[in-house]
Amino acid sequence: MTTMVGVNKSQRTYLPAAGRDLFLPLYDFIARVLGADQARQSLLDQPRLRSAQRVLDIGCGTGTFAVLLKKHFPKVEVIGLDPDQKALARAKRKSERAGVSIRFDQGFADELQYESGSFDMVFSSFMFHHLEGKDREKTLREVHRILKPAGSFYLLDFEMSQTGHGLFRIFHSSERLRDNSENRILTLMREAGFPESKKIATLPVLFGFGRAGCYQGSAPS
């Protein structure tokens, strides 16, 4: 199921999953080559995931992580959110092929059309670098709002280095990637209401020439 959640595409623009619409058919292949899919596996090891009841995957793209999550934890309610209807169509077909039931909503991460305190966990995997600065701050505040007390937020994204920067720039502009540092991400998370935010893992991507950081924050009890 794909539903519209407060989207007016004539008023909003967004960076597509692979940077440009023409790359969308190659997105899943690109993600595998860059090591994104392997890095996402680490998110399944979070200790509180087994007891989570309702989970949101913001910027779900073509649904790879949402499907992976539902297959591993079939009792968890999984909702995927993305502004790109073309990517969501692929996500829906992917979930149908996998035989899992996932709700896919079209919407923006900085304007979450969900009730406050309505999710046990929220995930963001390789989406944060798509956002402009002001939208990053709004997104984190929105994530904090919709989490239940003591709910958890996990953010996984590229950490840029001189070695990997050139290849990533093929798909995303340097302006989007330049400020995607550990210090900046942790500062934004803490300012959004996650005072004990921390980096919990550094993961190799780009055949070991690049890296991704995994961050965790919890809503106050």
C-alpha atoms as a PDB file:
ATOM      1  CA  MET A   1       0.000   0.000   0.000  1.00  0.00           C
ATOM      2  CA  THR A   2       1.241   3.471  -0.904  1.00  0.00           C
ATOM      3  CA  THR A   3      -0.490   6.496   0.564  1.00  0.00           C
ATOM      4  CA  MET A   4      -0.072  10.237   0.170  1.00  0.00           C
ATOM      5  CA  VAL A   5       0.846  12.004   3.412  1.00  0.00           C
ATOM      6  CA  GLY A   6       0.487  15.754   3.088  1.00  0.00           C
ATOM      7  CA  VAL A   7       2.438  16.031  -0.161  1.00  0.00           C
ATOM      8  CA  ASN A   8       2.060  18.832  -2.667  1.00  0.00           C
ATOM      9  CA  LYS A   9       4.728  18.103  -5.260  1.00  0.00           C
ATOM     10  CA  SER A  10       4.101  21.422  -7.005  1.00  0.00           C
ATOM     11  CA  GLN A  11       5.374  23.197  -3.883  1.00  0.00           C
ATOM     12  CA  ARG A  12       8.250  20.941  -2.845  1.00  0.00           C
ATOM     13  CA  THR A  13      11.376  19.685  -4.524  1.00  0.00           C
ATOM     14  CA  TYR A  14      13.677  16.893  -3.399  1.00  0.00           C
ATOM     15  CA  LEU A  15      16.879  15.123  -4.317  1.00  0.00           C
ATOM     16  CA  PRO A  16      16.012  11.720  -5.866  1.00  0.00           C
ATOM     17  CA  ALA A  17      17.378   8.522  -4.342  1.00  0.00           C
ATOM     18  CA  ALA A  18      20.268   8.190  -6.792  1.00  0.00           C
ATOM     19  CA  GLY A  19      20.811  11.924  -7.164  1.00  0.00           C
ATOM     20  CA  ARG A  20      19.052  12.110 -10.544  1.00  0.00           C
ATOM     21  CA  ASP A  21      15.889  10.468 -11.874  1.00  0.00           C
ATOM     22  CA  LEU A  22      17.771   8.851 -14.737  1.00  0.00           C
ATOM     23  CA  PHE A  23      19.876   6.865 -12.226  1.00  0.00           C
ATOM     24  CA  LEU A  24      16.859   5.431 -10.355  1.00  0.00           C
ATOM     25  CA  PRO A  25      16.788   2.112 -12.278  1.00  0.00           C
ATOM     26  CA  LEU A  26      20.426   1.638 -11.205  1.00  0.00           C
ATOM     27  CA  TYR A  27      19.935   2.719  -7.587  1.00  0.00           C
ATOM     28  CA  ASP A  28      19.832  -0.738  -5.993  1.00  0.00           C
ATOM     29  CA  PHE A  29      22.930  -1.784  -7.916  1.00  0.00           C
ATOM     30  CA  ILE A  30      24.725   1.427  -6.944  1.00  0.00           C
ATOM     31  CA  ALA A  31      23.839   0.883  -3.275  1.00  0.00           C
ATOM     32  CA  ARG A  32      25.303  -2.607  -3.349  1.00  0.00           C
ATOM     33  CA  VAL A  33      28.489  -1.444  -5.068  1.00  0.00           C
ATOM     34  CA  LEU A  34      29.004   1.402  -2.606  1.00  0.00           C
ATOM     35  CA  GLY A  35      28.515  -0.970   0.318  1.00  0.00           C
ATOM     36  CA  ALA A  36      25.322   0.682   1.569  1.00  0.00           C
ATOM     37  CA  ASP A  37      23.311  -2.551   1.726  1.00  0.00           C
ATOM     38  CA  GLN A  38      25.954  -4.319   3.778  1.00  0.00           C
ATOM     39  CA  ALA A  39      26.178  -1.371   6.158  1.00  0.00           C
ATOM     40  CA  ARG A  40      22.401  -1.415   6.619  1.00  0.00           C
ATOM     41  CA  GLN A  41      22.679  -4.931   8.027  1.00  0.00           C
ATOM     42  CA  SER A  42      24.232  -3.427  11.155  1.00  0.00           C
ATOM     43  CA  LEU A  43      20.952  -1.685  11.936  1.00  0.00           C
ATOM     44  CA  LEU A  44      19.282  -5.050  12.428  1.00  0.00           C
ATOM     45  CA  ASP A  45      21.547  -5.776  15.394  1.00  0.00           C
ATOM     46  CA  GLN A  46      20.212  -2.984  17.601  1.00  0.00           C
ATOM     47  CA  PRO A  47      19.125  -4.560  20.894  1.00  0.00           C
ATOM     48  CA  ARG A  48      15.754  -2.839  21.247  1.00  0.00           C
ATOM     49  CA  LEU A  49      14.550  -3.675  17.761  1.00  0.00           C
ATOM     50  CA  ARG A  50      13.081  -7.037  18.694  1.00  0.00           C
ATOM     51  CA  SER A  51      10.672  -5.409  21.138  1.00  0.00           C
ATOM     52  CA  ALA A  52       9.729  -2.489  18.881  1.00  0.00           C
ATOM     53  CA  GLN A  53       6.097  -2.399  17.813  1.00  0.00           C
ATOM     54  CA  ARG A  54       5.965   0.419  15.261  1.00  0.00           C
ATOM     55  CA  VAL A  55       8.920   1.514  13.146  1.00  0.00           C
ATOM     56  CA  LEU A  56       9.334   4.307  10.586  1.00  0.00           C
ATOM     57  CA  ASP A  57      11.987   4.314   7.853  1.00  0.00           C
ATOM     58  CA  ILE A  58      12.361   7.909   6.648  1.00  0.00           C
ATOM     59  CA  GLY A  59      13.775   8.371   3.169  1.00  0.00           C
ATOM     60  CA  CYS A  60      13.094   4.712   2.442  1.00  0.00           C
ATOM     61  CA  GLY A  61      13.847   5.087  -1.286  1.00  0.00           C
ATOM     62  CA  THR A  62      13.269   1.813  -3.117  1.00  0.00           C
ATOM     63  CA  GLY A  63      12.462   0.039   0.141  1.00  0.00           C
ATOM     64  CA  THR A  64      15.560  -2.118   0.616  1.00  0.00           C
ATOM     65  CA  PHE A  65      15.911  -1.559   4.353  1.00  0.00           C
ATOM     66  CA  ALA A  66      12.165  -1.572   5.052  1.00  0.00           C
ATOM     67  CA  VAL A  67      11.837  -4.976   3.381  1.00  0.00           C
ATOM     68  CA  LEU A  68      14.908  -6.290   5.179  1.00  0.00           C
ATOM     69  CA  LEU A  69      13.499  -5.099   8.488  1.00  0.00           C
ATOM     70  CA  LYS A  70      10.094  -6.689   7.953  1.00  0.00           C
ATOM     71  CA  LYS A  71      11.587 -10.010   6.841  1.00  0.00           C
ATOM     72  CA  HIS A  72      13.742 -10.240   9.964  1.00  0.00           C
ATOM     73  CA  PHE A  73      11.047  -8.980  12.369  1.00  0.00           C
ATOM     74  CA  PRO A  74       7.666  -9.928  10.861  1.00  0.00           C
ATOM     75  CA  LYS A  75       5.692  -8.855  13.958  1.00  0.00           C
ATOM     76  CA  VAL A  76       6.986  -5.286  13.767  1.00  0.00           C
ATOM     77  CA  GLU A  77       4.788  -2.774  11.937  1.00  0.00           C
ATOM     78  CA  VAL A  78       7.000  -1.101   9.323  1.00  0.00           C
ATOM     79  CA  ILE A  79       6.178   2.147   7.534  1.00  0.00           C
ATOM     80  CA  GLY A  80       8.414   3.590   4.827  1.00  0.00           C
ATOM     81  CA  LEU A  81       8.348   7.279   3.916  1.00  0.00           C
ATOM     82  CA  ASP A  82       9.797   8.999   0.848  1.00  0.00           C
ATOM     83  CA  PRO A  83       8.845  11.981  -1.353  1.00  0.00           C
ATOM     84  CA  ASP A  84       9.702  10.163  -4.594  1.00  0.00           C
ATOM     85  CA  GLN A  85       6.657   8.375  -5.991  1.00  0.00           C
ATOM     86  CA  LYS A  86       8.787   6.534  -8.551  1.00  0.00           C
ATOM     87  CA  ALA A  87      11.019   5.130  -5.824  1.00  0.00           C
ATOM     88  CA  LEU A  88       7.977   4.180  -3.751  1.00  0.00           C
ATOM     89  CA  ALA A  89       6.510   2.270  -6.688  1.00  0.00           C
ATOM     90  CA  ARG A  90       9.705   0.218  -6.807  1.00  0.00           C
ATOM     91  CA  ALA A  91       9.559  -0.249  -3.043  1.00  0.00           C
ATOM     92  CA  LYS A  92       6.014  -1.557  -3.241  1.00  0.00           C
ATOM     93  CA  ARG A  93       6.926  -4.063  -5.955  1.00  0.00           C
ATOM     94  CA  LYS A  94       9.964  -5.141  -3.945  1.00  0.00           C
ATOM     95  CA  SER A  95       7.857  -5.804  -0.845  1.00  0.00           C
ATOM     96  CA  GLU A  96       5.302  -7.736  -2.869  1.00  0.00           C
ATOM     97  CA  ARG A  97       8.022  -9.949  -4.345  1.00  0.00           C
ATOM     98  CA  ALA A  98       9.377 -10.543  -0.850  1.00  0.00           C
ATOM     99  CA  GLY A  99       5.919 -11.451   0.433  1.00  0.00           C
ATOM    100  CA  VAL A 100       5.904  -8.876   3.249  1.00  0.00           C
ATOM    101  CA  SER A 101       3.320  -6.265   4.181  1.00  0.00           C
ATOM    102  CA  ILE A 102       4.704  -2.732   4.463  1.00  0.00           C
ATOM    103  CA  ARG A 103       2.905   0.583   4.310  1.00  0.00           C
ATOM    104  CA  PHE A 104       4.644   3.111   2.068  1.00  0.00           C
ATOM    105  CA  ASP A 105       3.767   6.795   2.476  1.00  0.00           C
ATOM    106  CA  GLN A 106       4.711   9.651   0.218  1.00  0.00           C
ATOM    107  CA  GLY A 107       5.929  12.605   2.250  1.00  0.00           C
ATOM    108  CA  PHE A 108       8.857  14.634   3.536  1.00  0.00           C
ATOM    109  CA  ALA A 109      11.004  13.855   6.562  1.00  0.00           C
ATOM    110  CA  ASP A 110      10.927  17.452   7.808  1.00  0.00           C
ATOM    111  CA  GLU A 111       7.113  17.541   7.786  1.00  0.00           C
ATOM    112  CA  LEU A 112       6.095  14.197   9.259  1.00  0.00           C
ATOM    113  CA  GLN A 113       2.327  13.794   9.118  1.00  0.00           C
ATOM    114  CA  TYR A 114       2.168  11.420  12.083  1.00  0.00           C
ATOM    115  CA  GLU A 115       0.927  11.933  15.625  1.00  0.00           C
ATOM    116  CA  SER A 116       3.381  12.883  18.343  1.00  0.00           C
ATOM    117  CA  GLY A 117       4.702   9.923  20.302  1.00  0.00           C
ATOM    118  CA  SER A 118       3.442   7.354  17.788  1.00  0.00           C
ATOM    119  CA  PHE A 119       6.616   5.377  16.924  1.00  0.00           C
ATOM    120  CA  ASP A 120       8.892   3.128  18.955  1.00  0.00           C
ATOM    121  CA  MET A 121      11.822   3.484  16.567  1.00  0.00           C
ATOM    122  CA  VAL A 122      12.775   5.635  13.590  1.00  0.00           C
ATOM    123  CA  PHE A 123      15.513   4.814  11.085  1.00  0.00           C
ATOM    124  CA  SER A 124      17.310   6.898   8.489  1.00  0.00           C
ATOM    125  CA  SER A 125      19.752   5.067   6.236  1.00  0.00           C
ATOM    126  CA  PHE A 126      21.769   6.961   3.638  1.00  0.00           C
ATOM    127  CA  MET A 127      19.182   9.723   3.387  1.00  0.00           C
ATOM    128  CA  PHE A 128      20.491  12.495   5.658  1.00  0.00           C
ATOM    129  CA  HIS A 129      23.075  13.751   3.164  1.00  0.00           C
ATOM    130  CA  HIS A 130      20.254  14.451   0.703  1.00  0.00           C
ATOM    131  CA  LEU A 131      18.923  17.240   2.933  1.00  0.00           C
ATOM    132  CA  GLU A 132      19.887  20.876   2.988  1.00  0.00           C
ATOM    133  CA  GLY A 133      21.032  22.328   6.307  1.00  0.00           C
ATOM    134  CA  LYS A 134      17.728  23.809   7.463  1.00  0.00           C
ATOM    135  CA  ASP A 135      15.869  20.647   6.494  1.00  0.00           C
ATOM    136  CA  ARG A 136      18.273  18.502   8.513  1.00  0.00           C
ATOM    137  CA  GLU A 137      17.435  20.441  11.656  1.00  0.00           C
ATOM    138  CA  LYS A 138      13.689  20.271  10.996  1.00  0.00           C
ATOM    139  CA  THR A 139      13.874  16.546  10.243  1.00  0.00           C
ATOM    140  CA  LEU A 140      15.588  15.724  13.524  1.00  0.00           C
ATOM    141  CA  ARG A 141      13.072  17.773  15.484  1.00  0.00           C
ATOM    142  CA  GLU A 142      10.234  15.995  13.723  1.00  0.00           C
ATOM    143  CA  VAL A 143      11.779  12.587  14.480  1.00  0.00           C
ATOM    144  CA  HIS A 144      12.045  13.565  18.137  1.00  0.00           C
ATOM    145  CA  ARG A 145       8.399  14.638  18.153  1.00  0.00           C
ATOM    146  CA  ILE A 146       6.950  11.408  16.779  1.00  0.00           C
ATOM    147  CA  LEU A 147       8.987   9.081  18.987  1.00  0.00           C
ATOM    148  CA  LYS A 148       7.421   7.597  22.092  1.00  0.00           C
ATOM    149  CA  PRO A 149       9.128   8.313  25.429  1.00  0.00           C
ATOM    150  CA  ALA A 150      12.439   6.420  25.481  1.00  0.00           C
ATOM    151  CA  GLY A 151      11.990   5.625  21.773  1.00  0.00           C
ATOM    152  CA  SER A 152      15.141   5.291  19.674  1.00  0.00           C
ATOM    153  CA  PHE A 153      16.408   6.934  16.513  1.00  0.00           C
ATOM    154  CA  TYR A 154      19.159   5.397  14.363  1.00  0.00           C
ATOM    155  CA  LEU A 155      20.890   7.376  11.635  1.00  0.00           C
ATOM    156  CA  LEU A 156      23.257   5.728   9.166  1.00  0.00           C
ATOM    157  CA  ASP A 157      25.032   7.817   6.561  1.00  0.00           C
ATOM    158  CA  PHE A 158      28.225   8.368   4.634  1.00  0.00           C
ATOM    159  CA  GLU A 159      31.126  10.154   6.263  1.00  0.00           C
ATOM    160  CA  MET A 160      33.009  11.859   3.521  1.00  0.00           C
ATOM    161  CA  SER A 161      36.755  11.537   3.048  1.00  0.00           C
ATOM    162  CA  GLN A 162      39.126  12.824   0.393  1.00  0.00           C
ATOM    163  CA  THR A 163      39.481   9.281  -0.930  1.00  0.00           C
ATOM    164  CA  GLY A 164      35.796   8.648  -1.471  1.00  0.00           C
ATOM    165  CA  HIS A 165      34.586  12.122  -2.252  1.00  0.00           C
ATOM    166  CA  GLY A 166      35.084  12.017  -6.029  1.00  0.00           C
ATOM    167  CA  LEU A 167      32.989   8.912  -6.639  1.00  0.00           C
ATOM    168  CA  PHE A 168      30.133  10.027  -4.399  1.00  0.00           C
ATOM    169  CA  ARG A 169      30.081  13.374  -6.205  1.00  0.00           C
ATOM    170  CA  ILE A 170      28.948  11.609  -9.375  1.00  0.00           C
ATOM    171  CA  PHE A 171      25.582  11.012  -7.706  1.00  0.00           C
ATOM    172  CA  HIS A 172      25.389  13.855  -5.161  1.00  0.00           C
ATOM    173  CA  SER A 173      26.767  17.382  -5.157  1.00  0.00           C
ATOM    174  CA  SER A 174      29.668  18.279  -2.909  1.00  0.00           C
ATOM    175  CA  GLU A 175      27.479  20.917  -1.254  1.00  0.00           C
ATOM    176  CA  ARG A 176      25.189  18.181   0.116  1.00  0.00           C
ATOM    177  CA  LEU A 177      28.073  16.042   1.331  1.00  0.00           C
ATOM    178  CA  ARG A 178      30.539  18.575   2.650  1.00  0.00           C
ATOM    179  CA  ASP A 179      29.023  19.000   6.114  1.00  0.00           C
ATOM    180  CA  ASN A 180      28.179  15.342   6.717  1.00  0.00           C
ATOM    181  CA  SER A 181      30.695  14.951   9.541  1.00  0.00           C
ATOM    182  CA  GLU A 182      30.451  13.107  12.847  1.00  0.00           C
ATOM    183  CA  ASN A 183      30.673  16.288  14.909  1.00  0.00           C
ATOM    184  CA  ARG A 184      28.024  18.078  12.891  1.00  0.00           C
ATOM    185  CA  ILE A 185      25.558  15.184  12.940  1.00  0.00           C
ATOM    186  CA  LEU A 186      25.918  14.675  16.704  1.00  0.00           C
ATOM    187  CA  THR A 187      25.535  18.416  17.334  1.00  0.00           C
ATOM    188  CA  LEU A 188      22.319  18.548  15.305  1.00  0.00           C
ATOM    189  CA  MET A 189      20.908  15.485  17.065  1.00  0.00           C
ATOM    190  CA  ARG A 190      21.614  16.924  20.511  1.00  0.00           C
ATOM    191  CA  GLU A 191      20.102  20.275  19.579  1.00  0.00           C
ATOM    192  CA  ALA A 192      16.970  18.480  18.345  1.00  0.00           C
ATOM    193  CA  GLY A 193      16.343  16.881  21.746  1.00  0.00           C
ATOM    194  CA  PHE A 194      18.587  13.820  21.816  1.00  0.00           C
ATOM    195  CA  PRO A 195      21.030  14.906  24.559  1.00  0.00           C
ATOM    196  CA  GLU A 196      22.822  11.570  24.829  1.00  0.00           C
ATOM    197  CA  SER A 197      23.347  11.018  21.122  1.00  0.00           C
ATOM    198  CA  LYS A 198      26.373   8.947  20.255  1.00  0.00           C
ATOM    199  CA  LYS A 199      28.141   7.265  17.390  1.00  0.00           C
ATOM    200  CA  ILE A 200      27.809   3.514  17.788  1.00  0.00           C
ATOM    201  CA  ALA A 201      29.677   2.207  14.743  1.00  0.00           C
ATOM    202  CA  THR A 202      31.968   3.098  11.863  1.00  0.00           C
ATOM    203  CA  LEU A 203      31.394   0.904   8.835  1.00  0.00           C
ATOM    204  CA  PRO A 204      33.430   0.483   5.632  1.00  0.00           C
ATOM    205  CA  VAL A 205      31.951   1.444   2.264  1.00  0.00           C
ATOM    206  CA  LEU A 206      33.446   1.908  -1.189  1.00  0.00           C
ATOM    207  CA  PHE A 207      35.474  -1.305  -0.910  1.00  0.00           C
ATOM    208  CA  GLY A 208      37.000  -0.017   2.314  1.00  0.00           C
ATOM    209  CA  PHE A 209      38.117   3.333   0.862  1.00  0.00           C
ATOM    210  CA  GLY A 210      35.203   5.193   2.467  1.00  0.00           C
ATOM    211  CA  ARG A 211      33.181   4.888   5.624  1.00  0.00           C
ATOM    212  CA  ALA A 212      29.722   5.317   7.068  1.00  0.00           C
ATOM    213  CA  GLY A 213      28.767   6.350  10.560  1.00  0.00           C
ATOM    214  CA  CYS A 214      25.918   4.892  12.587  1.00  0.00           C
ATOM    215  CA  TYR A 215      24.428   7.169  15.253  1.00  0.00           C
ATOM    216  CA  GLN A 216      21.895   6.564  17.993  1.00  0.00           C
ATOM    217  CA  GLY A 217      19.712   8.897  19.998  1.00  0.00           C
ATOM    218  CA  SER A 218      16.929   8.243  22.494  1.00  0.00           C
ATOM    219  CA  ALA A 219      13.919  10.369  23.344  1.00  0.00           C
ATOM    220  CA  PRO A 220      13.669  11.284  27.034  1.00  0.00           C
ATOM    221  CA  SER A 221      11.681   8.830  29.163  1.00  0.00           C
END
